């Protein structure tokens, strides 16, 4: 029996007073590591929010909608 591939819901969070570059770099490193480990991840793209992290309540709602729609596709 082939093992099921793991899929994670990934939320990278930030606040407007944090510098953008460490968040951008950390996000990139986490995504790269998950890819190397063969783990699928569902996360906001860089066009949905400013370079991908979740910062506001509206962005949280976008993230929740993405996770919800991805869950429907997996069933």
PDB file of N, CA and C in Angstrom:
ATOM      1  N   UNK A   1       0.838  -1.179   0.000  1.00  0.00           N
ATOM      2  CA  UNK A   1       0.000   0.000   0.000  1.00  0.00           C
ATOM      3  C   UNK A   1       0.890   1.254   0.000  1.00  0.00           C
ATOM      4  N   UNK A   2       0.625   2.154  -0.910  1.00  0.00           N
ATOM      5  CA  UNK A   2       1.413   3.379  -1.033  1.00  0.00           C
ATOM      6  C   UNK A   2       1.001   4.369   0.058  1.00  0.00           C
ATOM      7  N   UNK A   3       1.989   4.923   0.798  1.00  0.00           N
ATOM      8  CA  UNK A   3       1.630   5.877   1.849  1.00  0.00           C
ATOM      9  C   UNK A   3       1.057   7.160   1.261  1.00  0.00           C
ATOM     10  N   UNK A   4       0.110   7.740   1.996  1.00  0.00           N
ATOM     11  CA  UNK A   4      -0.485   8.996   1.565  1.00  0.00           C
ATOM     12  C   UNK A   4       0.526  10.125   1.708  1.00  0.00           C
ATOM     13  N   UNK A   5       0.532  11.038   0.763  1.00  0.00           N
ATOM     14  CA  UNK A   5       1.407  12.197   0.844  1.00  0.00           C
ATOM     15  C   UNK A   5       0.829  13.194   1.846  1.00  0.00           C
ATOM     16  N   UNK A   6       1.697  13.779   2.623  1.00  0.00           N
ATOM     17  CA  UNK A   6       1.282  14.743   3.628  1.00  0.00           C
ATOM     18  C   UNK A   6       1.084  16.118   2.994  1.00  0.00           C
ATOM     19  N   UNK A   7       0.005  16.765   3.378  1.00  0.00           N
ATOM     20  CA  UNK A   7      -0.259  18.135   2.945  1.00  0.00           C
ATOM     21  C   UNK A   7      -0.494  18.984   4.188  1.00  0.00           C
ATOM     22  N   UNK A   8       0.218  20.087   4.277  1.00  0.00           N
ATOM     23  CA  UNK A   8       0.074  21.003   5.402  1.00  0.00           C
ATOM     24  C   UNK A   8      -0.569  22.307   4.961  1.00  0.00           C
ATOM     25  N   UNK A   9      -1.353  22.877   5.851  1.00  0.00           N
ATOM     26  CA  UNK A   9      -1.848  24.241   5.662  1.00  0.00           C
ATOM     27  C   UNK A   9      -0.827  25.147   6.328  1.00  0.00           C
ATOM     28  N   UNK A  10      -0.200  26.006   5.562  1.00  0.00           N
ATOM     29  CA  UNK A  10       0.897  26.833   6.050  1.00  0.00           C
ATOM     30  C   UNK A  10       0.461  28.294   6.131  1.00  0.00           C
ATOM     31  N   UNK A  11       0.592  28.848   7.328  1.00  0.00           N
ATOM     32  CA  UNK A  11       0.293  30.262   7.528  1.00  0.00           C
ATOM     33  C   UNK A  11       1.576  30.952   7.979  1.00  0.00           C
ATOM     34  N   UNK A  12       2.041  31.875   7.172  1.00  0.00           N
ATOM     35  CA  UNK A  12       3.175  32.718   7.549  1.00  0.00           C
ATOM     36  C   UNK A  12       2.568  34.047   7.982  1.00  0.00           C
ATOM     37  N   UNK A  13       2.818  34.426   9.207  1.00  0.00           N
ATOM     38  CA  UNK A  13       2.232  35.654   9.726  1.00  0.00           C
ATOM     39  C   UNK A  13       3.264  36.749   9.920  1.00  0.00           C
ATOM     40  N   UNK A  14       2.820  37.976   9.900  1.00  0.00           N
ATOM     41  CA  UNK A  14       3.689  39.126  10.157  1.00  0.00           C
ATOM     42  C   UNK A  14       2.836  40.273  10.671  1.00  0.00           C
ATOM     43  N   UNK A  15       3.503  41.329  11.055  1.00  0.00           N
ATOM     44  CA  UNK A  15       2.843  42.568  11.454  1.00  0.00           C
ATOM     45  C   UNK A  15       3.481  43.688  10.656  1.00  0.00           C
ATOM     46  N   UNK A  16       2.751  44.769  10.449  1.00  0.00           N
ATOM     47  CA  UNK A  16       3.250  45.839   9.585  1.00  0.00           C
ATOM     48  C   UNK A  16       4.510  46.515  10.109  1.00  0.00           C
ATOM     49  N   UNK A  17       4.801  46.389  11.398  1.00  0.00           N
ATOM     50  CA  UNK A  17       5.993  47.040  11.941  1.00  0.00           C
ATOM     51  C   UNK A  17       7.247  46.173  11.861  1.00  0.00           C
ATOM     52  N   UNK A  18       7.099  44.906  11.444  1.00  0.00           N
ATOM     53  CA  UNK A  18       8.271  44.053  11.241  1.00  0.00           C
ATOM     54  C   UNK A  18       8.872  44.326   9.870  1.00  0.00           C
ATOM     55  N   UNK A  19      10.194  44.252   9.763  1.00  0.00           N
ATOM     56  CA  UNK A  19      10.798  44.428   8.444  1.00  0.00           C
ATOM     57  C   UNK A  19      10.382  43.303   7.502  1.00  0.00           C
ATOM     58  N   UNK A  20      10.189  43.638   6.241  1.00  0.00           N
ATOM     59  CA  UNK A  20       9.665  42.675   5.272  1.00  0.00           C
ATOM     60  C   UNK A  20      10.668  41.597   4.888  1.00  0.00           C
ATOM     61  N   UNK A  21      11.924  41.936   4.781  1.00  0.00           N
ATOM     62  CA  UNK A  21      12.902  40.993   4.236  1.00  0.00           C
ATOM     63  C   UNK A  21      13.060  39.711   5.061  1.00  0.00           C
ATOM     64  N   UNK A  22      13.157  39.761   6.399  1.00  0.00           N
ATOM     65  CA  UNK A  22      13.254  38.501   7.141  1.00  0.00           C
ATOM     66  C   UNK A  22      12.017  37.610   6.973  1.00  0.00           C
ATOM     67  N   UNK A  23      10.856  38.218   6.872  1.00  0.00           N
ATOM     68  CA  UNK A  23       9.629  37.441   6.673  1.00  0.00           C
ATOM     69  C   UNK A  23       9.654  36.791   5.294  1.00  0.00           C
ATOM     70  N   UNK A  24      10.033  37.549   4.290  1.00  0.00           N
ATOM     71  CA  UNK A  24      10.117  37.026   2.925  1.00  0.00           C
ATOM     72  C   UNK A  24      11.120  35.878   2.851  1.00  0.00           C
ATOM     73  N   UNK A  25      12.294  36.063   3.448  1.00  0.00           N
ATOM     74  CA  UNK A  25      13.340  35.045   3.416  1.00  0.00           C
ATOM     75  C   UNK A  25      12.915  33.793   4.199  1.00  0.00           C
ATOM     76  N   UNK A  26      12.341  33.990   5.379  1.00  0.00           N
ATOM     77  CA  UNK A  26      11.881  32.853   6.181  1.00  0.00           C
ATOM     78  C   UNK A  26      10.798  32.063   5.470  1.00  0.00           C
ATOM     79  N   UNK A  27       9.874  32.756   4.846  1.00  0.00           N
ATOM     80  CA  UNK A  27       8.803  32.091   4.084  1.00  0.00           C
ATOM     81  C   UNK A  27       9.406  31.238   2.979  1.00  0.00           C
ATOM     82  N   UNK A  28      10.342  31.812   2.260  1.00  0.00           N
ATOM     83  CA  UNK A  28      10.993  31.099   1.167  1.00  0.00           C
ATOM     84  C   UNK A  28      11.722  29.852   1.668  1.00  0.00           C
ATOM     85  N   UNK A  29      12.408  29.975   2.801  1.00  0.00           N
ATOM     86  CA  UNK A  29      13.149  28.839   3.362  1.00  0.00           C
ATOM     87  C   UNK A  29      12.214  27.717   3.810  1.00  0.00           C
ATOM     88  N   UNK A  30      11.116  28.073   4.452  1.00  0.00           N
ATOM     89  CA  UNK A  30      10.158  27.060   4.906  1.00  0.00           C
ATOM     90  C   UNK A  30       9.553  26.323   3.714  1.00  0.00           C
ATOM     91  N   UNK A  31       9.148  27.063   2.687  1.00  0.00           N
ATOM     92  CA  UNK A  31       8.557  26.440   1.498  1.00  0.00           C
ATOM     93  C   UNK A  31       9.566  25.537   0.806  1.00  0.00           C
ATOM     94  N   UNK A  32      10.808  25.998   0.707  1.00  0.00           N
ATOM     95  CA  UNK A  32      11.858  25.187   0.084  1.00  0.00           C
ATOM     96  C   UNK A  32      12.108  23.900   0.876  1.00  0.00           C
ATOM     97  N   UNK A  33      12.166  23.997   2.192  1.00  0.00           N
ATOM     98  CA  UNK A  33      12.384  22.819   3.025  1.00  0.00           C
ATOM     99  C   UNK A  33      11.246  21.815   2.877  1.00  0.00           C
ATOM    100  N   UNK A  34      10.011  22.297   2.886  1.00  0.00           N
ATOM    101  CA  UNK A  34       8.874  21.399   2.714  1.00  0.00           C
ATOM    102  C   UNK A  34       8.943  20.701   1.359  1.00  0.00           C
ATOM    103  N   UNK A  35       9.313  21.430   0.321  1.00  0.00           N
ATOM    104  CA  UNK A  35       9.472  20.824  -1.007  1.00  0.00           C
ATOM    105  C   UNK A  35      10.541  19.737  -0.993  1.00  0.00           C
ATOM    106  N   UNK A  36      11.671  20.026  -0.354  1.00  0.00           N
ATOM    107  CA  UNK A  36      12.755  19.050  -0.274  1.00  0.00           C
ATOM    108  C   UNK A  36      12.334  17.792   0.482  1.00  0.00           C
ATOM    109  N   UNK A  37      11.473  17.956   1.475  1.00  0.00           N
ATOM    110  CA  UNK A  37      10.994  16.817   2.267  1.00  0.00           C
ATOM    111  C   UNK A  37       9.843  16.078   1.588  1.00  0.00           C
ATOM    112  N   UNK A  38       9.371  16.611   0.471  1.00  0.00           N
ATOM    113  CA  UNK A  38       8.268  15.979  -0.239  1.00  0.00           C
ATOM    114  C   UNK A  38       6.913  16.224   0.391  1.00  0.00           C
ATOM    115  N   UNK A  39       6.810  17.298   1.147  1.00  0.00           N
ATOM    116  CA  UNK A  39       5.552  17.644   1.821  1.00  0.00           C
ATOM    117  C   UNK A  39       4.856  18.722   1.003  1.00  0.00           C
ATOM    118  N   UNK A  40       3.615  18.470   0.628  1.00  0.00           N
ATOM    119  CA  UNK A  40       2.820  19.488  -0.053  1.00  0.00           C
ATOM    120  C   UNK A  40       2.369  20.522   0.974  1.00  0.00           C
ATOM    121  N   UNK A  41       2.275  21.763   0.554  1.00  0.00           N
ATOM    122  CA  UNK A  41       1.802  22.816   1.440  1.00  0.00           C
ATOM    123  C   UNK A  41       0.834  23.711   0.685  1.00  0.00           C
ATOM    124  N   UNK A  42      -0.178  24.139   1.398  1.00  0.00           N
ATOM    125  CA  UNK A  42      -1.152  25.084   0.858  1.00  0.00           C
ATOM    126  C   UNK A  42      -0.908  26.399   1.589  1.00  0.00           C
ATOM    127  N   UNK A  43      -0.657  27.449   0.823  1.00  0.00           N
ATOM    128  CA  UNK A  43      -0.354  28.745   1.419  1.00  0.00           C
ATOM    129  C   UNK A  43      -0.704  29.848   0.422  1.00  0.00           C
ATOM    130  N   UNK A  44      -0.858  31.051   0.950  1.00  0.00           N
ATOM    131  CA  UNK A  44      -1.165  32.188   0.092  1.00  0.00           C
ATOM    132  C   UNK A  44       0.023  32.489  -0.818  1.00  0.00           C
ATOM    133  N   UNK A  45      -0.277  32.875  -2.039  1.00  0.00           N
ATOM    134  CA  UNK A  45       0.803  33.221  -2.958  1.00  0.00           C
ATOM    135  C   UNK A  45       1.223  34.679  -2.760  1.00  0.00           C
ATOM    136  N   UNK A  46       2.272  35.059  -3.429  1.00  0.00           N
ATOM    137  CA  UNK A  46       2.825  36.402  -3.264  1.00  0.00           C
ATOM    138  C   UNK A  46       1.973  37.497  -3.889  1.00  0.00           C
ATOM    139  N   UNK A  47       0.987  37.132  -4.674  1.00  0.00           N
ATOM    140  CA  UNK A  47       0.110  38.132  -5.272  1.00  0.00           C
ATOM    141  C   UNK A  47      -1.127  38.394  -4.415  1.00  0.00           C
ATOM    142  N   UNK A  48      -1.504  37.438  -3.581  1.00  0.00           N
ATOM    143  CA  UNK A  48      -2.700  37.597  -2.752  1.00  0.00           C
ATOM    144  C   UNK A  48      -2.458  38.582  -1.615  1.00  0.00           C
ATOM    145  N   UNK A  49      -1.277  38.517  -1.024  1.00  0.00           N
ATOM    146  CA  UNK A  49      -0.886  39.484  -0.006  1.00  0.00           C
ATOM    147  C   UNK A  49       0.493  40.017  -0.388  1.00  0.00           C
ATOM    148  N   UNK A  50       0.931  41.039   0.273  1.00  0.00           N
ATOM    149  CA  UNK A  50       2.250  41.608  -0.033  1.00  0.00           C
ATOM    150  C   UNK A  50       3.320  40.573   0.303  1.00  0.00           C
ATOM    151  N   UNK A  51       3.823  39.902  -0.679  1.00  0.00           N
ATOM    152  CA  UNK A  51       4.824  38.833  -0.674  1.00  0.00           C
ATOM    153  C   UNK A  51       4.445  37.582   0.111  1.00  0.00           C
ATOM    154  N   UNK A  52       3.140  37.363   0.380  1.00  0.00           N
ATOM    155  CA  UNK A  52       2.663  36.071   0.862  1.00  0.00           C
ATOM    156  C   UNK A  52       2.247  35.897   2.306  1.00  0.00           C
ATOM    157  N   UNK A  53       2.762  36.652   3.274  1.00  0.00           N
ATOM    158  CA  UNK A  53       2.338  36.406   4.651  1.00  0.00           C
ATOM    159  C   UNK A  53       0.965  37.008   4.971  1.00  0.00           C
ATOM    160  N   UNK A  54       0.392  36.537   6.052  1.00  0.00           N
ATOM    161  CA  UNK A  54      -0.904  37.023   6.526  1.00  0.00           C
ATOM    162  C   UNK A  54      -0.646  38.104   7.567  1.00  0.00           C
ATOM    163  N   UNK A  55      -1.296  39.248   7.368  1.00  0.00           N
ATOM    164  CA  UNK A  55      -1.060  40.382   8.260  1.00  0.00           C
ATOM    165  C   UNK A  55      -2.355  40.977   8.824  1.00  0.00           C
ATOM    166  N   UNK A  56      -3.429  40.953   8.056  1.00  0.00           N
ATOM    167  CA  UNK A  56      -4.685  41.601   8.467  1.00  0.00           C
ATOM    168  C   UNK A  56      -5.808  40.574   8.563  1.00  0.00           C
ATOM    169  N   UNK A  57      -6.899  40.986   9.175  1.00  0.00           N
ATOM    170  CA  UNK A  57      -8.053  40.094   9.289  1.00  0.00           C
ATOM    171  C   UNK A  57      -8.618  39.739   7.910  1.00  0.00           C
ATOM    172  N   UNK A  58      -8.615  40.689   6.989  1.00  0.00           N
ATOM    173  CA  UNK A  58      -9.076  40.392   5.618  1.00  0.00           C
ATOM    174  C   UNK A  58      -8.194  39.325   4.967  1.00  0.00           C
ATOM    175  N   UNK A  59      -6.892  39.383   5.217  1.00  0.00           N
ATOM    176  CA  UNK A  59      -5.990  38.368   4.676  1.00  0.00           C
ATOM    177  C   UNK A  59      -6.214  37.009   5.338  1.00  0.00           C
ATOM    178  N   UNK A  60      -6.564  37.019   6.617  1.00  0.00           N
ATOM    179  CA  UNK A  60      -6.909  35.773   7.314  1.00  0.00           C
ATOM    180  C   UNK A  60      -8.112  35.124   6.625  1.00  0.00           C
ATOM    181  N   UNK A  61      -9.088  35.944   6.260  1.00  0.00           N
ATOM    182  CA  UNK A  61     -10.272  35.409   5.577  1.00  0.00           C
ATOM    183  C   UNK A  61      -9.902  34.823   4.214  1.00  0.00           C
ATOM    184  N   UNK A  62      -8.980  35.466   3.498  1.00  0.00           N
ATOM    185  CA  UNK A  62      -8.516  34.924   2.216  1.00  0.00           C
ATOM    186  C   UNK A  62      -7.808  33.582   2.423  1.00  0.00           C
ATOM    187  N   UNK A  63      -7.027  33.512   3.461  1.00  0.00           N
ATOM    188  CA  UNK A  63      -6.310  32.277   3.780  1.00  0.00           C
ATOM    189  C   UNK A  63      -7.306  31.160   4.136  1.00  0.00           C
ATOM    190  N   UNK A  64      -8.294  31.482   4.945  1.00  0.00           N
ATOM    191  CA  UNK A  64      -9.312  30.498   5.313  1.00  0.00           C
ATOM    192  C   UNK A  64     -10.077  30.020   4.084  1.00  0.00           C
ATOM    193  N   UNK A  65     -10.394  30.921   3.175  1.00  0.00           N
ATOM    194  CA  UNK A  65     -11.096  30.537   1.947  1.00  0.00           C
ATOM    195  C   UNK A  65     -10.232  29.612   1.096  1.00  0.00           C
ATOM    196  N   UNK A  66      -8.933  29.895   1.022  1.00  0.00           N
ATOM    197  CA  UNK A  66      -8.020  29.028   0.278  1.00  0.00           C
ATOM    198  C   UNK A  66      -7.982  27.632   0.894  1.00  0.00           C
ATOM    199  N   UNK A  67      -7.864  27.557   2.214  1.00  0.00           N
ATOM    200  CA  UNK A  67      -7.829  26.253   2.889  1.00  0.00           C
ATOM    201  C   UNK A  67      -9.138  25.504   2.686  1.00  0.00           C
ATOM    202  N   UNK A  68     -10.239  26.226   2.780  1.00  0.00           N
ATOM    203  CA  UNK A  68     -11.550  25.593   2.603  1.00  0.00           C
ATOM    204  C   UNK A  68     -11.693  25.034   1.189  1.00  0.00           C
ATOM    205  N   UNK A  69     -11.311  25.808   0.186  1.00  0.00           N
ATOM    206  CA  UNK A  69     -11.434  25.329  -1.195  1.00  0.00           C
ATOM    207  C   UNK A  69     -10.472  24.172  -1.461  1.00  0.00           C
ATOM    208  N   UNK A  70      -9.307  24.193  -0.858  1.00  0.00           N
ATOM    209  CA  UNK A  70      -8.355  23.095  -1.026  1.00  0.00           C
ATOM    210  C   UNK A  70      -8.874  21.825  -0.377  1.00  0.00           C
ATOM    211  N   UNK A  71      -9.554  21.968   0.725  1.00  0.00           N
ATOM    212  CA  UNK A  71     -10.119  20.799   1.419  1.00  0.00           C
ATOM    213  C   UNK A  71     -11.174  20.122   0.544  1.00  0.00           C
ATOM    214  N   UNK A  72     -11.986  20.926  -0.119  1.00  0.00           N
ATOM    215  CA  UNK A  72     -13.007  20.370  -1.007  1.00  0.00           C
ATOM    216  C   UNK A  72     -12.368  19.585  -2.151  1.00  0.00           C
ATOM    217  N   UNK A  73     -11.231  20.066  -2.652  1.00  0.00           N
ATOM    218  CA  UNK A  73     -10.568  19.395  -3.774  1.00  0.00           C
ATOM    219  C   UNK A  73      -9.981  18.049  -3.358  1.00  0.00           C
ATOM    220  N   UNK A  74      -9.593  17.909  -2.109  1.00  0.00           N
ATOM    221  CA  UNK A  74      -8.957  16.688  -1.623  1.00  0.00           C
ATOM    222  C   UNK A  74      -9.952  15.552  -1.385  1.00  0.00           C
ATOM    223  N   UNK A  75     -11.221  15.874  -1.270  1.00  0.00           N
ATOM    224  CA  UNK A  75     -12.221  14.846  -0.964  1.00  0.00           C
ATOM    225  C   UNK A  75     -12.616  14.072  -2.162  1.00  0.00           C
TER     226      UNK A  75
END
